[in-house]
Amino acid sequence: MANIKTIIKNIVENNLGSPVTFIMGWEAMLNLKADKVKIFPIGALFIPIKYNLVLAKSGYIGRKSTIFILFANKVIVNGKRTIDNTAEEHDVVIQEMQSLSTKFVQQCEKAVDSNGRRYFKNVENANEEELYNDKDIGVTGIILSIDLTPFNSDSFC
């Protein structure tokens, strides 16, 4: 079974309906990686991923993963990107990135392995936060936080 980072990468790169460049790293590293991206928008997975142990009375222990992923794009108006874009111009990008975030959540709910088994038992607690003019390249977008519980996370004690 693929690890959660590989599953997320596959969803971002192949299942959102339009080209999205996937990058992954801790926040300072994402800033450097974003500087080198040629194709926007980006799906930037923040690491480390937080894991919460889920203890069941039966003795099973599962792991719920809380991930943070940024869907972001440059604000371009009339073929130009400037530092002084209006709030309305940023809001156009915010709406586009909210659409990508929604597609990502939907794809997490449907994601299956090569045998047709779902990867995630639970997809829950999805929250979005707007982000304006961030990183050195000045991207605008949505930070999605979401809890994912993979089926393969169970173990017996």
N, C-alpha and C. Protein backbone atom coordinates (compact mmCIF):
# COMPACT_ATOMS: atom_id res chain seq x y z
N MET A 1 0.85 -1.19 0.00
CA MET A 1 0.00 0.00 0.00
C MET A 1 0.89 1.24 0.00
N ALA A 2 0.51 2.22 -0.77
CA ALA A 2 1.26 3.46 -0.87
C ALA A 2 1.14 4.27 0.43
N ASN A 3 2.17 5.04 0.73
CA ASN A 3 2.07 5.89 1.92
C ASN A 3 1.23 7.12 1.61
N ILE A 4 0.82 7.81 2.65
CA ILE A 4 -0.13 8.91 2.49
C ILE A 4 0.42 10.04 1.61
N LYS A 5 1.72 10.29 1.68
CA LYS A 5 2.31 11.35 0.86
C LYS A 5 2.22 11.00 -0.63
N THR A 6 2.45 9.73 -0.96
CA THR A 6 2.36 9.27 -2.35
C THR A 6 0.93 9.35 -2.86
N ILE A 7 -0.02 9.00 -2.02
CA ILE A 7 -1.44 9.07 -2.39
C ILE A 7 -1.82 10.52 -2.68
N ILE A 8 -1.43 11.42 -1.79
CA ILE A 8 -1.75 12.84 -1.96
C ILE A 8 -1.11 13.38 -3.23
N LYS A 9 0.14 13.05 -3.46
CA LYS A 9 0.84 13.50 -4.68
C LYS A 9 0.09 13.04 -5.92
N ASN A 10 -0.34 11.78 -5.94
CA ASN A 10 -1.06 11.23 -7.08
C ASN A 10 -2.38 11.98 -7.30
N ILE A 11 -3.11 12.24 -6.24
CA ILE A 11 -4.38 12.96 -6.36
C ILE A 11 -4.12 14.36 -6.93
N VAL A 12 -3.14 15.07 -6.39
CA VAL A 12 -2.87 16.45 -6.84
C VAL A 12 -2.43 16.47 -8.30
N GLU A 13 -1.55 15.57 -8.68
CA GLU A 13 -0.99 15.60 -10.04
C GLU A 13 -1.94 15.03 -11.10
N ASN A 14 -2.83 14.11 -10.71
CA ASN A 14 -3.58 13.37 -11.72
C ASN A 14 -5.10 13.43 -11.63
N ASN A 15 -5.66 13.96 -10.55
CA ASN A 15 -7.10 13.81 -10.36
C ASN A 15 -7.86 15.10 -10.10
N LEU A 16 -7.29 16.24 -10.39
CA LEU A 16 -7.99 17.49 -10.09
C LEU A 16 -8.55 18.17 -11.33
N GLY A 17 -8.39 17.55 -12.50
CA GLY A 17 -9.00 18.07 -13.71
C GLY A 17 -8.19 19.09 -14.48
N SER A 18 -7.12 19.59 -13.91
CA SER A 18 -6.24 20.52 -14.61
C SER A 18 -4.83 20.32 -14.07
N PRO A 19 -3.82 20.72 -14.84
CA PRO A 19 -2.44 20.54 -14.36
C PRO A 19 -2.17 21.32 -13.07
N VAL A 20 -1.70 20.62 -12.07
CA VAL A 20 -1.31 21.23 -10.80
C VAL A 20 0.06 20.67 -10.46
N THR A 21 1.01 21.54 -10.15
CA THR A 21 2.36 21.10 -9.77
C THR A 21 2.38 20.78 -8.29
N PHE A 22 2.81 19.57 -7.96
CA PHE A 22 2.90 19.12 -6.56
C PHE A 22 4.30 19.40 -6.03
N ILE A 23 4.36 20.03 -4.85
CA ILE A 23 5.61 20.17 -4.12
C ILE A 23 5.34 19.79 -2.67
N MET A 24 6.40 19.40 -1.97
CA MET A 24 6.25 18.94 -0.59
C MET A 24 7.47 19.38 0.21
N GLY A 25 7.25 19.79 1.45
CA GLY A 25 8.37 20.14 2.32
C GLY A 25 7.89 20.92 3.53
N TRP A 26 8.83 21.26 4.40
CA TRP A 26 8.47 22.11 5.53
C TRP A 26 8.38 23.54 4.97
N GLU A 27 7.80 24.45 5.75
CA GLU A 27 7.41 25.75 5.21
C GLU A 27 8.55 26.50 4.52
N ALA A 28 9.72 26.58 5.14
CA ALA A 28 10.84 27.30 4.51
C ALA A 28 11.26 26.63 3.21
N MET A 29 11.23 25.31 3.17
CA MET A 29 11.60 24.58 1.95
C MET A 29 10.57 24.80 0.85
N LEU A 30 9.28 24.87 1.22
CA LEU A 30 8.24 25.12 0.23
C LEU A 30 8.44 26.48 -0.44
N ASN A 31 8.90 27.45 0.32
CA ASN A 31 9.17 28.76 -0.23
C ASN A 31 10.23 28.67 -1.33
N LEU A 32 11.30 27.93 -1.06
CA LEU A 32 12.38 27.77 -2.04
C LEU A 32 11.89 26.97 -3.25
N LYS A 33 11.13 25.89 -3.00
CA LYS A 33 10.62 25.07 -4.10
C LYS A 33 9.65 25.85 -4.97
N ALA A 34 8.81 26.67 -4.35
CA ALA A 34 7.83 27.45 -5.11
C ALA A 34 8.53 28.43 -6.06
N ASP A 35 9.70 28.93 -5.67
CA ASP A 35 10.46 29.84 -6.53
C ASP A 35 10.85 29.18 -7.85
N LYS A 36 10.98 27.85 -7.86
CA LYS A 36 11.45 27.13 -9.04
C LYS A 36 10.33 26.53 -9.89
N VAL A 37 9.10 26.66 -9.44
CA VAL A 37 7.97 26.07 -10.15
C VAL A 37 7.74 26.82 -11.46
N LYS A 38 7.53 26.06 -12.53
CA LYS A 38 7.28 26.65 -13.85
C LYS A 38 5.79 26.66 -14.19
N ILE A 39 5.04 25.67 -13.70
CA ILE A 39 3.61 25.54 -14.03
C ILE A 39 2.78 25.75 -12.77
N PHE A 40 1.87 26.72 -12.84
CA PHE A 40 0.96 27.01 -11.74
C PHE A 40 -0.44 26.64 -12.17
N PRO A 41 -1.31 26.31 -11.22
CA PRO A 41 -1.21 26.44 -9.78
C PRO A 41 -0.36 25.33 -9.16
N ILE A 42 -0.12 25.48 -7.84
CA ILE A 42 0.62 24.48 -7.10
C ILE A 42 -0.27 23.85 -6.03
N GLY A 43 0.06 22.62 -5.68
CA GLY A 43 -0.48 21.95 -4.51
C GLY A 43 0.72 21.65 -3.63
N ALA A 44 0.86 22.38 -2.53
CA ALA A 44 2.05 22.29 -1.68
C ALA A 44 1.70 21.61 -0.37
N LEU A 45 2.20 20.40 -0.17
CA LEU A 45 1.94 19.63 1.05
C LEU A 45 2.97 19.99 2.11
N PHE A 46 2.48 20.46 3.25
CA PHE A 46 3.36 20.80 4.37
C PHE A 46 3.72 19.53 5.12
N ILE A 47 5.02 19.36 5.39
CA ILE A 47 5.45 18.27 6.26
C ILE A 47 6.20 18.88 7.43
N PRO A 48 6.27 18.24 8.57
CA PRO A 48 5.81 16.88 8.82
C PRO A 48 4.28 16.81 8.96
N ILE A 49 3.77 15.63 8.68
CA ILE A 49 2.35 15.36 8.83
C ILE A 49 2.10 14.94 10.27
N LYS A 50 1.01 15.42 10.83
CA LYS A 50 0.65 15.08 12.21
C LYS A 50 -0.19 13.80 12.20
N TYR A 51 0.17 12.84 13.06
CA TYR A 51 -0.58 11.59 13.17
C TYR A 51 -1.16 11.49 14.58
N ASN A 52 -2.44 11.20 14.66
CA ASN A 52 -3.10 10.95 15.94
C ASN A 52 -3.45 9.48 16.02
N LEU A 53 -3.07 8.83 17.13
CA LEU A 53 -3.43 7.44 17.31
C LEU A 53 -4.89 7.35 17.73
N VAL A 54 -5.61 6.42 17.11
CA VAL A 54 -7.01 6.19 17.41
C VAL A 54 -7.09 4.80 18.03
N LEU A 55 -7.41 4.77 19.33
CA LEU A 55 -7.42 3.52 20.07
C LEU A 55 -8.84 2.96 20.14
N ALA A 56 -9.00 1.68 19.80
CA ALA A 56 -10.30 1.03 19.86
C ALA A 56 -10.31 0.01 21.00
N LYS A 57 -11.48 -0.26 21.57
CA LYS A 57 -11.59 -1.22 22.67
C LYS A 57 -11.15 -2.61 22.25
N SER A 58 -11.23 -2.91 20.96
CA SER A 58 -10.85 -4.23 20.46
C SER A 58 -9.34 -4.44 20.48
N GLY A 59 -8.58 -3.38 20.71
CA GLY A 59 -7.13 -3.50 20.70
C GLY A 59 -6.50 -2.94 19.44
N TYR A 60 -7.32 -2.59 18.47
CA TYR A 60 -6.79 -2.00 17.25
C TYR A 60 -6.34 -0.56 17.50
N ILE A 61 -5.28 -0.20 16.84
CA ILE A 61 -4.79 1.17 16.88
C ILE A 61 -4.72 1.67 15.44
N GLY A 62 -5.42 2.75 15.17
CA GLY A 62 -5.39 3.36 13.85
C GLY A 62 -4.67 4.68 13.93
N ARG A 63 -4.33 5.20 12.78
CA ARG A 63 -3.66 6.50 12.72
C ARG A 63 -4.48 7.44 11.85
N LYS A 64 -4.87 8.55 12.44
CA LYS A 64 -5.56 9.61 11.70
C LYS A 64 -4.51 10.66 11.37
N SER A 65 -4.40 10.98 10.10
CA SER A 65 -3.41 11.95 9.64
C SER A 65 -4.07 13.30 9.43
N THR A 66 -3.49 14.33 10.01
CA THR A 66 -3.94 15.69 9.73
C THR A 66 -2.95 16.30 8.77
N ILE A 67 -3.43 16.65 7.59
CA ILE A 67 -2.53 17.24 6.59
C ILE A 67 -2.91 18.70 6.35
N PHE A 68 -1.92 19.45 5.91
CA PHE A 68 -2.11 20.83 5.49
C PHE A 68 -1.56 20.93 4.08
N ILE A 69 -2.40 21.38 3.16
CA ILE A 69 -1.98 21.50 1.77
C ILE A 69 -2.43 22.86 1.23
N LEU A 70 -1.52 23.54 0.58
CA LEU A 70 -1.78 24.86 0.01
C LEU A 70 -2.06 24.69 -1.48
N PHE A 71 -3.21 25.20 -1.92
CA PHE A 71 -3.50 25.32 -3.35
C PHE A 71 -3.36 26.80 -3.67
N ALA A 72 -2.40 27.13 -4.55
CA ALA A 72 -2.09 28.55 -4.76
C ALA A 72 -1.73 28.83 -6.22
N ASN A 73 -1.92 30.09 -6.59
CA ASN A 73 -1.60 30.53 -7.93
C ASN A 73 -1.13 31.98 -7.86
N LYS A 74 -0.53 32.42 -8.93
CA LYS A 74 -0.14 33.83 -9.04
C LYS A 74 -1.36 34.62 -9.51
N VAL A 75 -1.48 35.85 -9.03
CA VAL A 75 -2.54 36.74 -9.48
C VAL A 75 -2.00 37.47 -10.71
N ILE A 76 -2.61 37.18 -11.86
CA ILE A 76 -2.16 37.79 -13.11
C ILE A 76 -3.35 38.51 -13.74
N VAL A 77 -3.17 39.78 -14.03
CA VAL A 77 -4.21 40.59 -14.65
C VAL A 77 -3.62 41.23 -15.90
N ASN A 78 -4.31 41.05 -17.03
CA ASN A 78 -3.83 41.58 -18.32
C ASN A 78 -2.41 41.11 -18.62
N GLY A 79 -2.14 39.85 -18.28
CA GLY A 79 -0.83 39.27 -18.58
C GLY A 79 0.29 39.69 -17.65
N LYS A 80 -0.03 40.46 -16.61
CA LYS A 80 1.01 40.94 -15.71
C LYS A 80 0.69 40.58 -14.27
N ARG A 81 1.75 40.37 -13.50
CA ARG A 81 1.62 40.14 -12.06
C ARG A 81 2.29 41.31 -11.37
N THR A 82 1.56 41.97 -10.49
CA THR A 82 2.13 43.08 -9.75
C THR A 82 1.89 42.86 -8.26
N ILE A 83 2.62 43.57 -7.46
CA ILE A 83 2.50 43.44 -6.01
C ILE A 83 1.25 44.15 -5.49
N ASP A 84 0.69 45.04 -6.29
CA ASP A 84 -0.45 45.83 -5.81
C ASP A 84 -1.78 45.43 -6.44
N ASN A 85 -1.98 44.13 -6.62
CA ASN A 85 -3.28 43.65 -7.12
C ASN A 85 -4.37 44.00 -6.12
N THR A 86 -5.57 44.19 -6.63
CA THR A 86 -6.70 44.54 -5.77
C THR A 86 -7.23 43.29 -5.05
N ALA A 87 -8.00 43.53 -4.00
CA ALA A 87 -8.63 42.42 -3.27
C ALA A 87 -9.53 41.62 -4.20
N GLU A 88 -10.22 42.28 -5.11
CA GLU A 88 -11.10 41.59 -6.05
C GLU A 88 -10.30 40.67 -6.97
N GLU A 89 -9.12 41.12 -7.39
CA GLU A 89 -8.28 40.29 -8.25
C GLU A 89 -7.77 39.07 -7.49
N HIS A 90 -7.43 39.24 -6.22
CA HIS A 90 -7.03 38.11 -5.39
C HIS A 90 -8.20 37.15 -5.19
N ASP A 91 -9.41 37.71 -5.02
CA ASP A 91 -10.58 36.86 -4.78
C ASP A 91 -10.89 35.93 -5.94
N VAL A 92 -10.56 36.33 -7.16
CA VAL A 92 -10.73 35.44 -8.32
C VAL A 92 -9.87 34.20 -8.15
N VAL A 93 -8.63 34.40 -7.75
CA VAL A 93 -7.72 33.26 -7.52
C VAL A 93 -8.19 32.44 -6.32
N ILE A 94 -8.65 33.10 -5.26
CA ILE A 94 -9.16 32.38 -4.08
C ILE A 94 -10.29 31.44 -4.50
N GLN A 95 -11.22 31.92 -5.32
CA GLN A 95 -12.33 31.07 -5.76
C GLN A 95 -11.84 29.89 -6.58
N GLU A 96 -10.86 30.11 -7.46
CA GLU A 96 -10.30 29.02 -8.26
C GLU A 96 -9.62 27.99 -7.36
N MET A 97 -8.91 28.45 -6.34
CA MET A 97 -8.21 27.53 -5.44
C MET A 97 -9.19 26.81 -4.51
N GLN A 98 -10.31 27.46 -4.16
CA GLN A 98 -11.35 26.76 -3.40
C GLN A 98 -11.93 25.62 -4.22
N SER A 99 -12.05 25.84 -5.50
CA SER A 99 -12.54 24.77 -6.38
C SER A 99 -11.56 23.59 -6.39
N LEU A 100 -10.26 23.88 -6.48
CA LEU A 100 -9.26 22.80 -6.42
C LEU A 100 -9.30 22.08 -5.07
N SER A 101 -9.45 22.84 -4.00
CA SER A 101 -9.52 22.26 -2.66
C SER A 101 -10.72 21.32 -2.56
N THR A 102 -11.87 21.75 -3.07
CA THR A 102 -13.07 20.90 -3.05
C THR A 102 -12.86 19.63 -3.85
N LYS A 103 -12.27 19.76 -5.04
CA LYS A 103 -11.98 18.57 -5.86
C LYS A 103 -11.03 17.63 -5.14
N PHE A 104 -10.04 18.18 -4.44
CA PHE A 104 -9.10 17.36 -3.69
C PHE A 104 -9.83 16.55 -2.62
N VAL A 105 -10.70 17.19 -1.85
CA VAL A 105 -11.46 16.49 -0.81
C VAL A 105 -12.31 15.38 -1.44
N GLN A 106 -12.98 15.69 -2.53
CA GLN A 106 -13.81 14.69 -3.21
C GLN A 106 -12.97 13.51 -3.70
N GLN A 107 -11.78 13.80 -4.21
CA GLN A 107 -10.91 12.73 -4.71
C GLN A 107 -10.35 11.88 -3.56
N CYS A 108 -10.10 12.50 -2.41
CA CYS A 108 -9.66 11.72 -1.24
C CYS A 108 -10.75 10.72 -0.84
N GLU A 109 -11.99 11.14 -0.91
CA GLU A 109 -13.11 10.26 -0.55
C GLU A 109 -13.24 9.10 -1.52
N LYS A 110 -12.82 9.29 -2.79
CA LYS A 110 -12.97 8.26 -3.81
C LYS A 110 -11.70 7.48 -4.11
N ALA A 111 -10.57 7.91 -3.57
CA ALA A 111 -9.27 7.33 -3.94
C ALA A 111 -9.21 5.83 -3.65
N VAL A 112 -8.78 5.07 -4.67
CA VAL A 112 -8.68 3.61 -4.54
C VAL A 112 -7.32 3.13 -5.04
N ASP A 113 -6.91 1.97 -4.53
CA ASP A 113 -5.65 1.37 -4.99
C ASP A 113 -5.91 0.57 -6.27
N SER A 114 -4.90 -0.12 -6.75
CA SER A 114 -5.01 -0.87 -8.01
C SER A 114 -6.00 -2.02 -7.93
N ASN A 115 -6.38 -2.44 -6.73
CA ASN A 115 -7.36 -3.51 -6.55
C ASN A 115 -8.77 -2.96 -6.30
N GLY A 116 -8.91 -1.64 -6.39
CA GLY A 116 -10.22 -1.03 -6.20
C GLY A 116 -10.61 -0.81 -4.74
N ARG A 117 -9.66 -1.00 -3.82
CA ARG A 117 -9.95 -0.76 -2.40
C ARG A 117 -9.69 0.70 -2.06
N ARG A 118 -10.62 1.27 -1.31
CA ARG A 118 -10.48 2.67 -0.91
C ARG A 118 -9.25 2.84 -0.02
N TYR A 119 -8.54 3.94 -0.23
CA TYR A 119 -7.37 4.25 0.60
C TYR A 119 -7.78 4.76 1.98
N PHE A 120 -8.86 5.59 2.01
CA PHE A 120 -9.20 6.26 3.26
C PHE A 120 -10.52 5.78 3.83
N LYS A 121 -10.45 5.37 5.08
CA LYS A 121 -11.63 4.96 5.83
C LYS A 121 -12.48 6.18 6.17
N ASN A 122 -11.82 7.26 6.57
CA ASN A 122 -12.51 8.50 6.92
C ASN A 122 -11.79 9.70 6.30
N VAL A 123 -12.59 10.61 5.76
CA VAL A 123 -12.12 11.90 5.27
C VAL A 123 -13.00 12.92 5.99
N GLU A 124 -12.40 13.69 6.90
CA GLU A 124 -13.24 14.54 7.75
C GLU A 124 -12.50 15.79 8.20
N ASN A 125 -13.27 16.68 8.84
CA ASN A 125 -12.73 17.91 9.44
C ASN A 125 -11.95 18.77 8.45
N ALA A 126 -12.51 18.94 7.26
CA ALA A 126 -11.87 19.78 6.24
C ALA A 126 -12.16 21.25 6.54
N ASN A 127 -11.10 22.04 6.60
CA ASN A 127 -11.21 23.48 6.85
C ASN A 127 -10.31 24.22 5.88
N GLU A 128 -10.76 25.39 5.44
CA GLU A 128 -9.98 26.20 4.52
C GLU A 128 -9.66 27.55 5.15
N GLU A 129 -8.49 28.06 4.78
CA GLU A 129 -8.08 29.39 5.21
C GLU A 129 -7.49 30.12 4.00
N GLU A 130 -7.90 31.35 3.79
CA GLU A 130 -7.38 32.14 2.68
C GLU A 130 -5.94 32.58 2.96
N LEU A 131 -5.16 32.67 1.91
CA LEU A 131 -3.77 33.12 2.01
C LEU A 131 -3.52 34.09 0.87
N TYR A 132 -3.00 35.27 1.19
CA TYR A 132 -2.79 36.31 0.19
C TYR A 132 -1.32 36.67 0.05
N ASN A 133 -0.87 36.72 -1.22
CA ASN A 133 0.45 37.26 -1.55
C ASN A 133 1.56 36.66 -0.71
N ASP A 134 1.63 35.35 -0.66
CA ASP A 134 2.56 34.64 0.21
C ASP A 134 3.77 34.12 -0.57
N LYS A 135 4.77 33.72 0.14
CA LYS A 135 6.03 33.22 -0.39
C LYS A 135 6.74 34.34 -1.15
N ASP A 136 7.96 34.09 -1.54
CA ASP A 136 8.73 35.11 -2.26
C ASP A 136 8.09 35.46 -3.60
N ILE A 137 7.35 34.51 -4.18
CA ILE A 137 6.77 34.74 -5.50
C ILE A 137 5.37 35.35 -5.43
N GLY A 138 4.84 35.57 -4.22
CA GLY A 138 3.58 36.25 -4.05
C GLY A 138 2.37 35.49 -4.53
N VAL A 139 2.20 34.26 -4.10
CA VAL A 139 1.03 33.47 -4.50
C VAL A 139 -0.14 33.72 -3.56
N THR A 140 -1.33 33.51 -4.09
CA THR A 140 -2.57 33.63 -3.33
C THR A 140 -3.29 32.30 -3.43
N GLY A 141 -3.97 31.90 -2.35
CA GLY A 141 -4.66 30.63 -2.43
C GLY A 141 -5.39 30.24 -1.17
N ILE A 142 -5.54 28.94 -1.02
CA ILE A 142 -6.29 28.33 0.08
C ILE A 142 -5.39 27.31 0.78
N ILE A 143 -5.33 27.38 2.10
CA ILE A 143 -4.69 26.31 2.88
C ILE A 143 -5.82 25.41 3.37
N LEU A 144 -5.76 24.16 2.97
CA LEU A 144 -6.74 23.17 3.39
C LEU A 144 -6.13 22.31 4.48
N SER A 145 -6.84 22.20 5.60
CA SER A 145 -6.45 21.22 6.62
C SER A 145 -7.54 20.17 6.61
N ILE A 146 -7.13 18.90 6.68
CA ILE A 146 -8.09 17.80 6.58
C ILE A 146 -7.54 16.59 7.31
N ASP A 147 -8.44 15.84 7.94
CA ASP A 147 -8.06 14.59 8.62
C ASP A 147 -8.36 13.42 7.70
N LEU A 148 -7.35 12.58 7.49
CA LEU A 148 -7.47 11.39 6.65
C LEU A 148 -7.09 10.17 7.47
N THR A 149 -7.95 9.17 7.48
CA THR A 149 -7.66 7.92 8.18
C THR A 149 -7.56 6.81 7.15
N PRO A 150 -6.34 6.36 6.86
CA PRO A 150 -6.17 5.28 5.88
C PRO A 150 -6.66 3.94 6.43
N PHE A 151 -7.13 3.08 5.54
CA PHE A 151 -7.52 1.73 5.96
C PHE A 151 -6.33 0.94 6.47
N ASN A 152 -5.15 1.14 5.88
CA ASN A 152 -3.99 0.34 6.26
C ASN A 152 -3.34 0.79 7.56
N SER A 153 -3.92 1.77 8.24
CA SER A 153 -3.27 2.28 9.45
C SER A 153 -3.55 1.43 10.68
N ASP A 154 -4.49 0.48 10.57
CA ASP A 154 -4.85 -0.32 11.73
C ASP A 154 -3.77 -1.34 12.07
N SER A 155 -3.54 -1.50 13.33
CA SER A 155 -2.66 -2.57 13.80
C SER A 155 -3.29 -3.13 15.08
N PHE A 156 -2.92 -4.36 15.42
CA PHE A 156 -3.52 -5.02 16.59
C PHE A 156 -2.48 -5.15 17.68
N CYS A 157 -2.88 -4.82 18.89
CA CYS A 157 -1.96 -4.92 20.03
C CYS A 157 -2.38 -6.06 20.94
